Amino acid sequence: MGTALYITIFLLIITEIKRNSILLEYDDNVYLHLLLDGVSVVRCCLTAYFLISQFVESFILSVTTSKHKLTDMDLELANQRFVVCGASGGFGRAIAEQLLEEGAKVIAIARRQSKLNELARKYPQTMDCITGDLQKATVHNQIEHMIGSNPLHGIVFNAGGPPTGSALSTTMKQWDKAYHLVLRWKIDLALRLVPRLVSRKYGRVLFIESQSVKQPVEDLVLSNAMRMAVVGFAKTLSHEIASSGVTVNIIAPGSHDSPAIERVVKSIAERNKQSISEAKETISKAIPVGRMGKPEELASLAAWILSPHAGFVTGQTISHDGGNINFVFG
């Protein structure tokens, strides 16, 4: 509509020019001279000024509106309730903060009370916290009690990983601990909470695991094996409840500058006889983008997956690794 207006005004200017012009002959050449009277000159100038100013104003408005839409996408998470596990640091904290910034309500669980208190002071109206070990059934009971009869919209399964080690260096005691640390509590909590989502015909389930589920990481056999078991459970669950409006997905993080990478950095430093800073540099150089990821970057992806916008995405293991996985479907 704006373009049509500009064209109309331009045509009016041309008409005014033609109406007030005459042709003069000089040495067999014909020239078009604009012999406008004073009123016509003022009228044309004002019209031209109006045309240009309107164009500039519309252009600026379109640019600023476009930028606004890109930076302020509404994920429609306001007042939705999420359980976020391992929320005192790293990925869990970043995801909890992202959800809270979007206006969601968060039940944050972690072992470090002081870190949870920091979040609670920042978001006193929308955050509740539970301090405890997610491997214990008593903590799961507390989570269910805190949710009560309130609607639940999503669950983020996240926690630290097992110690480093090669396959033949491990003991059965370590395997038993890894099973409880990485796999068992997630299944237990899922069996308790996912039926709530299914009964409401809406929900988001997200597991934060590791790039090792697609490409085993050296010297991390316990994590490699147990996290793949989590993915097997999640993929099966996603198929079983897909028609209920509940999605189940996995994010597979590569190396990020977070506490979770410390045990890997230490292992590389010892193996290569490097300092901690040199080991971190070794990791960064091996990543195609040339750096480690940031927890906040992963949290942005997680927030979208947990939003109503991601209703057609389920059963997926999505890499967040800076291009590190050497696999066609990485």
C-alpha atoms as a PDB file:
ATOM      1  CA  MET A   1       0.000   0.000   0.000  1.00  0.00           C
ATOM      2  CA  GLY A   2       2.900   2.380   0.835  1.00  0.00           C
ATOM      3  CA  THR A   3       4.561   1.688  -2.541  1.00  0.00           C
ATOM      4  CA  ALA A   4       1.352   2.538  -4.422  1.00  0.00           C
ATOM      5  CA  LEU A   5       1.154   5.864  -2.564  1.00  0.00           C
ATOM      6  CA  TYR A   6       4.728   6.780  -3.506  1.00  0.00           C
ATOM      7  CA  ILE A   7       4.116   5.921  -7.178  1.00  0.00           C
ATOM      8  CA  THR A   8       0.938   8.036  -7.210  1.00  0.00           C
ATOM      9  CA  ILE A   9       2.741  11.049  -5.746  1.00  0.00           C
ATOM     10  CA  PHE A  10       5.597  10.648  -8.229  1.00  0.00           C
ATOM     11  CA  LEU A  11       3.141  10.594 -11.143  1.00  0.00           C
ATOM     12  CA  LEU A  12       1.480  13.770  -9.822  1.00  0.00           C
ATOM     13  CA  ILE A  13       4.867  15.497  -9.841  1.00  0.00           C
ATOM     14  CA  ILE A  14       5.491  14.462 -13.451  1.00  0.00           C
ATOM     15  CA  THR A  15       2.002  15.699 -14.437  1.00  0.00           C
ATOM     16  CA  GLU A  16       2.676  19.049 -12.785  1.00  0.00           C
ATOM     17  CA  ILE A  17       5.985  19.367 -14.613  1.00  0.00           C
ATOM     18  CA  LYS A  18       4.410  18.616 -18.011  1.00  0.00           C
ATOM     19  CA  ARG A  19       1.537  21.044 -17.418  1.00  0.00           C
ATOM     20  CA  ASN A  20       3.894  23.890 -16.744  1.00  0.00           C
ATOM     21  CA  SER A  21       6.532  23.288 -19.418  1.00  0.00           C
ATOM     22  CA  ILE A  22       6.963  24.535 -23.007  1.00  0.00           C
ATOM     23  CA  LEU A  23       9.063  23.443 -25.917  1.00  0.00           C
ATOM     24  CA  LEU A  24      11.541  25.874 -27.422  1.00  0.00           C
ATOM     25  CA  GLU A  25      13.364  25.428 -30.726  1.00  0.00           C
ATOM     26  CA  TYR A  26      16.972  26.464 -31.053  1.00  0.00           C
ATOM     27  CA  ASP A  27      19.291  25.548 -33.965  1.00  0.00           C
ATOM     28  CA  ASP A  28      17.017  22.672 -35.048  1.00  0.00           C
ATOM     29  CA  ASN A  29      17.311  21.089 -31.580  1.00  0.00           C
ATOM     30  CA  VAL A  30      14.323  20.631 -29.364  1.00  0.00           C
ATOM     31  CA  TYR A  31      14.784  21.083 -25.603  1.00  0.00           C
ATOM     32  CA  LEU A  32      12.340  20.488 -22.777  1.00  0.00           C
ATOM     33  CA  HIS A  33      12.516  23.399 -20.369  1.00  0.00           C
ATOM     34  CA  LEU A  34      10.749  23.371 -17.057  1.00  0.00           C
ATOM     35  CA  LEU A  35       9.194  26.784 -16.763  1.00  0.00           C
ATOM     36  CA  LEU A  36       7.235  26.380 -13.585  1.00  0.00           C
ATOM     37  CA  ASP A  37       5.677  29.332 -11.827  1.00  0.00           C
ATOM     38  CA  GLY A  38       6.486  29.996  -8.180  1.00  0.00           C
ATOM     39  CA  VAL A  39       3.484  28.138  -6.786  1.00  0.00           C
ATOM     40  CA  SER A  40       4.219  24.992  -8.770  1.00  0.00           C
ATOM     41  CA  VAL A  41       7.851  24.939  -7.631  1.00  0.00           C
ATOM     42  CA  VAL A  42       6.850  25.110  -3.967  1.00  0.00           C
ATOM     43  CA  ARG A  43       4.165  22.447  -4.484  1.00  0.00           C
ATOM     44  CA  CYS A  44       6.587  20.047  -6.142  1.00  0.00           C
ATOM     45  CA  CYS A  45       9.293  20.585  -3.535  1.00  0.00           C
ATOM     46  CA  LEU A  46       6.905  19.942  -0.667  1.00  0.00           C
ATOM     47  CA  THR A  47       5.550  16.840  -2.362  1.00  0.00           C
ATOM     48  CA  ALA A  48       9.062  15.512  -2.993  1.00  0.00           C
ATOM     49  CA  TYR A  49       9.992  16.206   0.629  1.00  0.00           C
ATOM     50  CA  PHE A  50       6.910  14.334   1.820  1.00  0.00           C
ATOM     51  CA  LEU A  51       7.699  11.402  -0.474  1.00  0.00           C
ATOM     52  CA  ILE A  52      11.313  11.077   0.692  1.00  0.00           C
ATOM     53  CA  SER A  53      10.548  11.502   4.398  1.00  0.00           C
ATOM     54  CA  GLN A  54       7.797   8.885   4.276  1.00  0.00           C
ATOM     55  CA  PHE A  55      10.094   6.432   2.514  1.00  0.00           C
ATOM     56  CA  VAL A  56      12.908   6.942   5.034  1.00  0.00           C
ATOM     57  CA  GLU A  57      10.508   6.605   7.973  1.00  0.00           C
ATOM     58  CA  SER A  58       9.027   3.393   6.588  1.00  0.00           C
ATOM     59  CA  PHE A  59      12.476   1.941   5.913  1.00  0.00           C
ATOM     60  CA  ILE A  60      13.725   2.662   9.440  1.00  0.00           C
ATOM     61  CA  LEU A  61      10.540   1.228  10.925  1.00  0.00           C
ATOM     62  CA  SER A  62      10.831  -1.975   8.912  1.00  0.00           C
ATOM     63  CA  VAL A  63      14.470  -2.475   9.938  1.00  0.00           C
ATOM     64  CA  THR A  64      13.865  -1.867  13.648  1.00  0.00           C
ATOM     65  CA  THR A  65      10.767  -4.078  13.622  1.00  0.00           C
ATOM     66  CA  SER A  66      12.718  -6.859  11.937  1.00  0.00           C
ATOM     67  CA  LYS A  67      15.479  -6.644  14.548  1.00  0.00           C
ATOM     68  CA  HIS A  68      12.904  -6.652  17.330  1.00  0.00           C
ATOM     69  CA  LYS A  69      11.334  -9.844  16.037  1.00  0.00           C
ATOM     70  CA  LEU A  70      14.694 -11.578  15.760  1.00  0.00           C
ATOM     71  CA  THR A  71      15.879 -10.727  19.262  1.00  0.00           C
ATOM     72  CA  ASP A  72      12.607 -10.992  21.153  1.00  0.00           C
ATOM     73  CA  MET A  73      11.015 -14.201  19.873  1.00  0.00           C
ATOM     74  CA  ASP A  74       8.279 -15.244  22.275  1.00  0.00           C
ATOM     75  CA  LEU A  75       8.817 -18.883  23.236  1.00  0.00           C
ATOM     76  CA  GLU A  76       5.439 -18.906  25.001  1.00  0.00           C
ATOM     77  CA  LEU A  77       6.940 -20.313  28.195  1.00  0.00           C
ATOM     78  CA  ALA A  78       5.434 -17.793  30.587  1.00  0.00           C
ATOM     79  CA  ASN A  79       3.802 -19.444  33.633  1.00  0.00           C
ATOM     80  CA  GLN A  80       4.725 -22.937  32.458  1.00  0.00           C
ATOM     81  CA  ARG A  81       6.197 -25.162  35.177  1.00  0.00           C
ATOM     82  CA  PHE A  82       9.429 -27.130  34.702  1.00  0.00           C
ATOM     83  CA  VAL A  83      11.536 -29.454  36.820  1.00  0.00           C
ATOM     84  CA  VAL A  84      15.234 -28.804  36.165  1.00  0.00           C
ATOM     85  CA  CYS A  85      17.718 -31.297  37.592  1.00  0.00           C
ATOM     86  CA  GLY A  86      21.316 -30.417  38.400  1.00  0.00           C
ATOM     87  CA  ALA A  87      20.449 -26.712  38.444  1.00  0.00           C
ATOM     88  CA  SER A  88      23.264 -25.390  40.638  1.00  0.00           C
ATOM     89  CA  GLY A  89      25.810 -25.027  37.827  1.00  0.00           C
ATOM     90  CA  GLY A  90      26.767 -25.665  34.228  1.00  0.00           C
ATOM     91  CA  PHE A  91      24.033 -26.677  31.797  1.00  0.00           C
ATOM     92  CA  GLY A  92      21.359 -27.098  34.464  1.00  0.00           C
ATOM     93  CA  ARG A  93      21.795 -23.626  35.887  1.00  0.00           C
ATOM     94  CA  ALA A  94      21.963 -22.032  32.429  1.00  0.00           C
ATOM     95  CA  ILE A  95      18.741 -23.783  31.372  1.00  0.00           C
ATOM     96  CA  ALA A  96      16.977 -22.869  34.618  1.00  0.00           C
ATOM     97  CA  GLU A  97      17.947 -19.205  34.214  1.00  0.00           C
ATOM     98  CA  GLN A  98      16.865 -19.172  30.568  1.00  0.00           C
ATOM     99  CA  LEU A  99      13.463 -20.599  31.469  1.00  0.00           C
ATOM    100  CA  LEU A 100      13.059 -18.136  34.346  1.00  0.00           C
ATOM    101  CA  GLU A 101      13.961 -15.229  32.042  1.00  0.00           C
ATOM    102  CA  GLU A 102      11.229 -16.427  29.695  1.00  0.00           C
ATOM    103  CA  GLY A 103       8.707 -16.171  32.542  1.00  0.00           C
ATOM    104  CA  ALA A 104       8.500 -19.880  33.355  1.00  0.00           C
ATOM    105  CA  LYS A 105       8.238 -21.371  36.839  1.00  0.00           C
ATOM    106  CA  VAL A 106      11.100 -23.659  37.810  1.00  0.00           C
ATOM    107  CA  ILE A 107      11.572 -26.329  40.454  1.00  0.00           C
ATOM    108  CA  ALA A 108      15.365 -26.536  40.658  1.00  0.00           C
ATOM    109  CA  ILE A 109      17.097 -29.549  42.183  1.00  0.00           C
ATOM    110  CA  ALA A 110      20.759 -29.818  43.131  1.00  0.00           C
ATOM    111  CA  ARG A 111      23.054 -30.756  46.000  1.00  0.00           C
ATOM    112  CA  ARG A 112      24.574 -27.295  46.532  1.00  0.00           C
ATOM    113  CA  GLN A 113      22.138 -25.213  48.574  1.00  0.00           C
ATOM    114  CA  SER A 114      24.182 -21.993  48.299  1.00  0.00           C
ATOM    115  CA  LYS A 115      24.034 -22.035  44.481  1.00  0.00           C
ATOM    116  CA  LEU A 116      20.292 -22.668  44.501  1.00  0.00           C
ATOM    117  CA  ASN A 117      19.836 -19.799  46.960  1.00  0.00           C
ATOM    118  CA  GLU A 118      21.540 -17.461  44.499  1.00  0.00           C
ATOM    119  CA  LEU A 119      18.922 -18.304  41.875  1.00  0.00           C
ATOM    120  CA  ALA A 120      16.085 -18.089  44.387  1.00  0.00           C
ATOM    121  CA  ARG A 121      17.122 -14.568  45.413  1.00  0.00           C
ATOM    122  CA  LYS A 122      17.175 -13.503  41.783  1.00  0.00           C
ATOM    123  CA  TYR A 123      13.791 -15.065  40.946  1.00  0.00           C
ATOM    124  CA  PRO A 124      11.895 -15.192  44.262  1.00  0.00           C
ATOM    125  CA  GLN A 125       8.420 -15.374  42.733  1.00  0.00           C
ATOM    126  CA  THR A 126       8.967 -18.061  40.098  1.00  0.00           C
ATOM    127  CA  MET A 127      11.542 -20.466  41.496  1.00  0.00           C
ATOM    128  CA  ASP A 128      11.365 -23.222  44.095  1.00  0.00           C
ATOM    129  CA  CYS A 129      14.335 -25.343  45.041  1.00  0.00           C
ATOM    130  CA  ILE A 130      15.051 -28.763  46.500  1.00  0.00           C
ATOM    131  CA  THR A 131      18.457 -29.605  47.903  1.00  0.00           C
ATOM    132  CA  GLY A 132      19.471 -33.233  47.673  1.00  0.00           C
ATOM    133  CA  ASP A 133      20.936 -36.124  45.737  1.00  0.00           C
ATOM    134  CA  LEU A 134      18.852 -37.069  42.705  1.00  0.00           C
ATOM    135  CA  GLN A 135      19.870 -40.697  43.141  1.00  0.00           C
ATOM    136  CA  LYS A 136      17.745 -40.901  46.286  1.00  0.00           C
ATOM    137  CA  ALA A 137      14.046 -41.764  46.235  1.00  0.00           C
ATOM    138  CA  THR A 138      13.404 -39.265  49.044  1.00  0.00           C
ATOM    139  CA  VAL A 139      14.361 -36.419  46.705  1.00  0.00           C
ATOM    140  CA  HIS A 140      11.989 -37.757  44.049  1.00  0.00           C
ATOM    141  CA  ASN A 141       9.261 -37.803  46.694  1.00  0.00           C
ATOM    142  CA  GLN A 142      10.001 -34.146  47.475  1.00  0.00           C
ATOM    143  CA  ILE A 143       9.735 -33.241  43.790  1.00  0.00           C
ATOM    144  CA  GLU A 144       6.329 -34.909  43.487  1.00  0.00           C
ATOM    145  CA  HIS A 145       5.159 -33.239  46.691  1.00  0.00           C
ATOM    146  CA  MET A 146       6.297 -29.790  45.516  1.00  0.00           C
ATOM    147  CA  ILE A 147       4.496 -30.178  42.178  1.00  0.00           C
ATOM    148  CA  GLY A 148       1.367 -31.274  43.998  1.00  0.00           C
ATOM    149  CA  SER A 149      -1.753 -30.855  41.896  1.00  0.00           C
ATOM    150  CA  ASN A 150      -0.215 -28.049  39.819  1.00  0.00           C
ATOM    151  CA  PRO A 151       0.200 -28.617  36.089  1.00  0.00           C
ATOM    152  CA  LEU A 152       3.660 -29.737  34.970  1.00  0.00           C
ATOM    153  CA  HIS A 153       4.866 -28.767  31.497  1.00  0.00           C
ATOM    154  CA  GLY A 154       8.364 -30.202  31.238  1.00  0.00           C
ATOM    155  CA  ILE A 155      11.319 -32.006  32.799  1.00  0.00           C
ATOM    156  CA  VAL A 156      15.032 -31.469  32.237  1.00  0.00           C
ATOM    157  CA  PHE A 157      17.137 -34.499  33.179  1.00  0.00           C
ATOM    158  CA  ASN A 158      20.672 -33.339  33.841  1.00  0.00           C
ATOM    159  CA  ALA A 159      23.504 -34.277  36.205  1.00  0.00           C
ATOM    160  CA  GLY A 160      27.246 -34.829  36.316  1.00  0.00           C
ATOM    161  CA  GLY A 161      28.966 -37.782  34.744  1.00  0.00           C
ATOM    162  CA  PRO A 162      31.047 -40.703  36.057  1.00  0.00           C
ATOM    163  CA  PRO A 163      34.839 -40.622  36.438  1.00  0.00           C
ATOM    164  CA  THR A 164      37.175 -41.096  33.504  1.00  0.00           C
ATOM    165  CA  GLY A 165      38.765 -44.442  32.696  1.00  0.00           C
ATOM    166  CA  SER A 166      39.465 -46.930  29.933  1.00  0.00           C
ATOM    167  CA  ALA A 167      37.402 -50.091  29.498  1.00  0.00           C
ATOM    168  CA  LEU A 168      39.906 -52.520  31.011  1.00  0.00           C
ATOM    169  CA  SER A 169      40.822 -50.224  33.901  1.00  0.00           C
ATOM    170  CA  THR A 170      37.306 -50.170  35.375  1.00  0.00           C
ATOM    171  CA  THR A 171      35.853 -52.314  38.163  1.00  0.00           C
ATOM    172  CA  MET A 172      32.346 -53.672  38.607  1.00  0.00           C
ATOM    173  CA  LYS A 173      31.916 -51.351  41.575  1.00  0.00           C
ATOM    174  CA  GLN A 174      32.512 -48.415  39.237  1.00  0.00           C
ATOM    175  CA  TRP A 175      29.984 -49.799  36.759  1.00  0.00           C
ATOM    176  CA  ASP A 176      27.380 -50.127  39.514  1.00  0.00           C
ATOM    177  CA  LYS A 177      27.985 -46.531  40.614  1.00  0.00           C
ATOM    178  CA  ALA A 178      27.825 -45.275  37.019  1.00  0.00           C
ATOM    179  CA  TYR A 179      24.491 -47.031  36.547  1.00  0.00           C
ATOM    180  CA  HIS A 180      23.007 -45.211  39.533  1.00  0.00           C
ATOM    181  CA  LEU A 181      24.661 -41.886  38.682  1.00  0.00           C
ATOM    182  CA  VAL A 182      23.817 -41.703  34.974  1.00  0.00           C
ATOM    183  CA  LEU A 183      20.869 -44.005  34.270  1.00  0.00           C
ATOM    184  CA  ARG A 184      18.780 -45.369  37.120  1.00  0.00           C
ATOM    185  CA  TRP A 185      17.543 -42.156  38.752  1.00  0.00           C
ATOM    186  CA  LYS A 186      16.465 -40.740  35.376  1.00  0.00           C
ATOM    187  CA  ILE A 187      14.287 -43.756  34.652  1.00  0.00           C
ATOM    188  CA  ASP A 188      12.843 -43.661  38.173  1.00  0.00           C
ATOM    189  CA  LEU A 189      11.949 -39.965  37.968  1.00  0.00           C
ATOM    190  CA  ALA A 190      10.587 -40.353  34.430  1.00  0.00           C
ATOM    191  CA  LEU A 191       8.290 -43.167  35.543  1.00  0.00           C
ATOM    192  CA  ARG A 192       6.954 -40.874  38.270  1.00  0.00           C
ATOM    193  CA  LEU A 193       6.534 -37.628  36.303  1.00  0.00           C
ATOM    194  CA  VAL A 194       5.985 -38.422  32.615  1.00  0.00           C
ATOM    195  CA  PRO A 195       2.495 -39.922  33.239  1.00  0.00           C
ATOM    196  CA  ARG A 196       1.471 -36.457  34.516  1.00  0.00           C
ATOM    197  CA  LEU A 197       2.394 -34.987  31.139  1.00  0.00           C
ATOM    198  CA  VAL A 198       0.650 -37.746  29.217  1.00  0.00           C
ATOM    199  CA  SER A 199      -2.550 -37.280  31.206  1.00  0.00           C
ATOM    200  CA  ARG A 200      -2.581 -33.569  30.310  1.00  0.00           C
ATOM    201  CA  LYS A 201      -1.870 -34.295  26.624  1.00  0.00           C
ATOM    202  CA  TYR A 202       1.090 -31.919  26.636  1.00  0.00           C
ATOM    203  CA  GLY A 203       4.674 -31.911  27.838  1.00  0.00           C
ATOM    204  CA  ARG A 204       8.366 -31.656  27.076  1.00  0.00           C
ATOM    205  CA  VAL A 205      11.007 -34.126  28.277  1.00  0.00           C
ATOM    206  CA  LEU A 206      14.649 -33.273  27.677  1.00  0.00           C
ATOM    207  CA  PHE A 207      17.766 -35.258  28.556  1.00  0.00           C
ATOM    208  CA  ILE A 208      21.137 -33.484  28.625  1.00  0.00           C
ATOM    209  CA  GLU A 209      23.703 -36.189  27.847  1.00  0.00           C
ATOM    210  CA  SER A 210      26.944 -36.053  25.820  1.00  0.00           C
ATOM    211  CA  GLN A 211      28.399 -36.191  22.332  1.00  0.00           C
ATOM    212  CA  SER A 212      29.693 -39.619  23.438  1.00  0.00           C
ATOM    213  CA  VAL A 213      26.285 -41.103  22.558  1.00  0.00           C
ATOM    214  CA  LYS A 214      27.174 -40.495  18.889  1.00  0.00           C
ATOM    215  CA  GLN A 215      30.937 -40.734  18.965  1.00  0.00           C
ATOM    216  CA  PRO A 216      32.635 -42.399  21.958  1.00  0.00           C
ATOM    217  CA  VAL A 217      35.047 -40.168  23.833  1.00  0.00           C
ATOM    218  CA  GLU A 218      38.456 -41.603  24.667  1.00  0.00           C
ATOM    219  CA  ASP A 219      38.974 -42.613  28.289  1.00  0.00           C
ATOM    220  CA  LEU A 220      35.270 -42.167  29.152  1.00  0.00           C
ATOM    221  CA  VAL A 221      33.957 -45.705  28.843  1.00  0.00           C
ATOM    222  CA  LEU A 222      31.506 -45.423  31.760  1.00  0.00           C
ATOM    223  CA  SER A 223      29.895 -42.302  30.325  1.00  0.00           C
ATOM    224  CA  ASN A 224      29.970 -43.668  26.776  1.00  0.00           C
ATOM    225  CA  ALA A 225      28.069 -46.811  27.766  1.00  0.00           C
ATOM    226  CA  MET A 226      25.588 -45.475  30.325  1.00  0.00           C
ATOM    227  CA  ARG A 227      24.565 -42.395  28.372  1.00  0.00           C
ATOM    228  CA  MET A 228      23.814 -44.533  25.334  1.00  0.00           C
ATOM    229  CA  ALA A 229      21.471 -46.522  27.574  1.00  0.00           C
ATOM    230  CA  VAL A 230      19.702 -43.260  28.478  1.00  0.00           C
ATOM    231  CA  VAL A 231      19.268 -42.479  24.779  1.00  0.00           C
ATOM    232  CA  GLY A 232      17.849 -45.969  24.178  1.00  0.00           C
ATOM    233  CA  PHE A 233      15.290 -45.399  26.941  1.00  0.00           C
ATOM    234  CA  ALA A 234      14.429 -41.890  25.707  1.00  0.00           C
ATOM    235  CA  LYS A 235      14.024 -42.949  22.076  1.00  0.00           C
ATOM    236  CA  THR A 236      11.726 -45.826  23.038  1.00  0.00           C
ATOM    237  CA  LEU A 237       9.689 -43.580  25.324  1.00  0.00           C
ATOM    238  CA  SER A 238       9.344 -40.927  22.610  1.00  0.00           C
ATOM    239  CA  HIS A 239       7.654 -43.417  20.267  1.00  0.00           C
ATOM    240  CA  GLU A 240       5.337 -44.738  22.940  1.00  0.00           C
ATOM    241  CA  ILE A 241       3.935 -41.328  23.957  1.00  0.00           C
ATOM    242  CA  ALA A 242       4.290 -39.286  20.752  1.00  0.00           C
ATOM    243  CA  SER A 243       0.541 -39.220  20.068  1.00  0.00           C
ATOM    244  CA  SER A 244      -0.148 -37.775  23.518  1.00  0.00           C
ATOM    245  CA  GLY A 245       1.415 -34.397  22.737  1.00  0.00           C
ATOM    246  CA  VAL A 246       4.511 -35.117  24.833  1.00  0.00           C
ATOM    247  CA  THR A 247       7.924 -34.865  23.152  1.00  0.00           C
ATOM    248  CA  VAL A 248      11.112 -36.569  24.327  1.00  0.00           C
ATOM    249  CA  ASN A 249      14.498 -35.359  23.081  1.00  0.00           C
ATOM    250  CA  ILE A 250      18.187 -35.483  23.923  1.00  0.00           C
ATOM    251  CA  ILE A 251      20.854 -32.800  23.605  1.00  0.00           C
ATOM    252  CA  ALA A 252      24.343 -34.219  23.070  1.00  0.00           C
ATOM    253  CA  PRO A 253      26.810 -31.517  24.169  1.00  0.00           C
ATOM    254  CA  GLY A 254      30.393 -31.459  23.017  1.00  0.00           C
ATOM    255  CA  SER A 255      33.103 -29.667  24.989  1.00  0.00           C
ATOM    256  CA  HIS A 256      31.739 -26.626  26.839  1.00  0.00           C
ATOM    257  CA  ASP A 257      33.430 -24.262  29.238  1.00  0.00           C
ATOM    258  CA  SER A 258      31.605 -25.621  32.273  1.00  0.00           C
ATOM    259  CA  PRO A 259      32.417 -27.666  35.409  1.00  0.00           C
ATOM    260  CA  ALA A 260      31.455 -30.867  33.564  1.00  0.00           C
ATOM    261  CA  ILE A 261      34.560 -30.612  31.357  1.00  0.00           C
ATOM    262  CA  GLU A 262      37.025 -30.447  34.256  1.00  0.00           C
ATOM    263  CA  ARG A 263      37.493 -34.207  34.661  1.00  0.00           C
ATOM    264  CA  VAL A 264      38.094 -34.558  30.904  1.00  0.00           C
ATOM    265  CA  VAL A 265      40.597 -31.694  30.917  1.00  0.00           C
ATOM    266  CA  LYS A 266      42.441 -33.249  33.842  1.00  0.00           C
ATOM    267  CA  SER A 267      42.565 -36.632  32.094  1.00  0.00           C
ATOM    268  CA  ILE A 268      43.978 -35.095  28.889  1.00  0.00           C
ATOM    269  CA  ALA A 269      46.526 -33.085  30.862  1.00  0.00           C
ATOM    270  CA  GLU A 270      47.777 -36.204  32.643  1.00  0.00           C
ATOM    271  CA  ARG A 271      47.846 -38.297  29.479  1.00  0.00           C
ATOM    272  CA  ASN A 272      49.699 -35.665  27.421  1.00  0.00           C
ATOM    273  CA  LYS A 273      51.816 -34.322  30.296  1.00  0.00           C
ATOM    274  CA  GLN A 274      50.298 -30.859  29.852  1.00  0.00           C
ATOM    275  CA  SER A 275      49.142 -28.121  32.172  1.00  0.00           C
ATOM    276  CA  ILE A 276      45.389 -27.577  32.622  1.00  0.00           C
ATOM    277  CA  SER A 277      45.447 -24.483  30.384  1.00  0.00           C
ATOM    278  CA  GLU A 278      47.380 -26.368  27.687  1.00  0.00           C
ATOM    279  CA  ALA A 279      44.884 -29.241  27.847  1.00  0.00           C
ATOM    280  CA  LYS A 280      41.998 -26.800  27.402  1.00  0.00           C
ATOM    281  CA  GLU A 281      43.778 -25.308  24.402  1.00  0.00           C
ATOM    282  CA  THR A 282      44.219 -28.800  22.949  1.00  0.00           C
ATOM    283  CA  ILE A 283      40.479 -29.426  23.255  1.00  0.00           C
ATOM    284  CA  SER A 284      39.584 -26.056  21.722  1.00  0.00           C
ATOM    285  CA  LYS A 285      41.883 -26.524  18.729  1.00  0.00           C
ATOM    286  CA  ALA A 286      40.288 -29.906  17.970  1.00  0.00           C
ATOM    287  CA  ILE A 287      36.828 -28.320  17.651  1.00  0.00           C
ATOM    288  CA  PRO A 288      36.079 -27.013  14.122  1.00  0.00           C
ATOM    289  CA  VAL A 289      34.731 -23.673  15.401  1.00  0.00           C
ATOM    290  CA  GLY A 290      37.988 -23.228  17.342  1.00  0.00           C
ATOM    291  CA  ARG A 291      36.578 -22.850  20.840  1.00  0.00           C
ATOM    292  CA  MET A 292      34.539 -24.533  23.536  1.00  0.00           C
ATOM    293  CA  GLY A 293      30.834 -23.900  23.760  1.00  0.00           C
ATOM    294  CA  LYS A 294      29.088 -21.801  26.385  1.00  0.00           C
ATOM    295  CA  PRO A 295      26.356 -23.205  28.656  1.00  0.00           C
ATOM    296  CA  GLU A 296      24.176 -20.222  27.748  1.00  0.00           C
ATOM    297  CA  GLU A 297      24.312 -21.204  24.075  1.00  0.00           C
ATOM    298  CA  LEU A 298      23.063 -24.681  24.872  1.00  0.00           C
ATOM    299  CA  ALA A 299      20.387 -23.216  27.162  1.00  0.00           C
ATOM    300  CA  SER A 300      18.925 -21.222  24.269  1.00  0.00           C
ATOM    301  CA  LEU A 301      18.531 -24.409  22.249  1.00  0.00           C
ATOM    302  CA  ALA A 302      17.055 -26.206  25.248  1.00  0.00           C
ATOM    303  CA  ALA A 303      14.499 -23.443  25.837  1.00  0.00           C
ATOM    304  CA  TRP A 304      13.224 -23.764  22.268  1.00  0.00           C
ATOM    305  CA  ILE A 305      12.998 -27.574  22.517  1.00  0.00           C
ATOM    306  CA  LEU A 306      11.032 -27.134  25.755  1.00  0.00           C
ATOM    307  CA  SER A 307       8.653 -24.621  24.184  1.00  0.00           C
ATOM    308  CA  PRO A 308       5.333 -25.097  22.352  1.00  0.00           C
ATOM    309  CA  HIS A 309       7.181 -24.212  19.117  1.00  0.00           C
ATOM    310  CA  ALA A 310       8.940 -27.620  19.125  1.00  0.00           C
ATOM    311  CA  GLY A 311       5.866 -29.829  19.054  1.00  0.00           C
ATOM    312  CA  PHE A 312       6.965 -31.642  15.877  1.00  0.00           C
ATOM    313  CA  VAL A 313      10.433 -32.501  17.208  1.00  0.00           C
ATOM    314  CA  THR A 314      10.606 -35.731  19.199  1.00  0.00           C
ATOM    315  CA  GLY A 315      12.875 -38.756  19.549  1.00  0.00           C
ATOM    316  CA  GLN A 316      15.865 -36.704  18.402  1.00  0.00           C
ATOM    317  CA  THR A 317      19.432 -36.604  19.683  1.00  0.00           C
ATOM    318  CA  ILE A 318      20.594 -33.113  18.813  1.00  0.00           C
ATOM    319  CA  SER A 319      24.318 -32.343  18.859  1.00  0.00           C
ATOM    320  CA  HIS A 320      25.634 -29.087  20.312  1.00  0.00           C
ATOM    321  CA  ASP A 321      29.316 -29.622  19.665  1.00  0.00           C
ATOM    322  CA  GLY A 322      30.784 -26.935  17.411  1.00  0.00           C
ATOM    323  CA  GLY A 323      30.954 -29.408  14.532  1.00  0.00           C
ATOM    324  CA  ASN A 324      33.108 -31.857  16.467  1.00  0.00           C
ATOM    325  CA  ILE A 325      31.286 -35.086  15.605  1.00  0.00           C
ATOM    326  CA  ASN A 326      32.694 -36.656  12.430  1.00  0.00           C
ATOM    327  CA  PHE A 327      29.471 -38.231  11.314  1.00  0.00           C
ATOM    328  CA  VAL A 328      27.147 -37.386   8.441  1.00  0.00           C
ATOM    329  CA  PHE A 329      24.120 -37.233  10.740  1.00  0.00           C
ATOM    330  CA  GLY A 330      26.055 -35.660  13.613  1.00  0.00           C
END
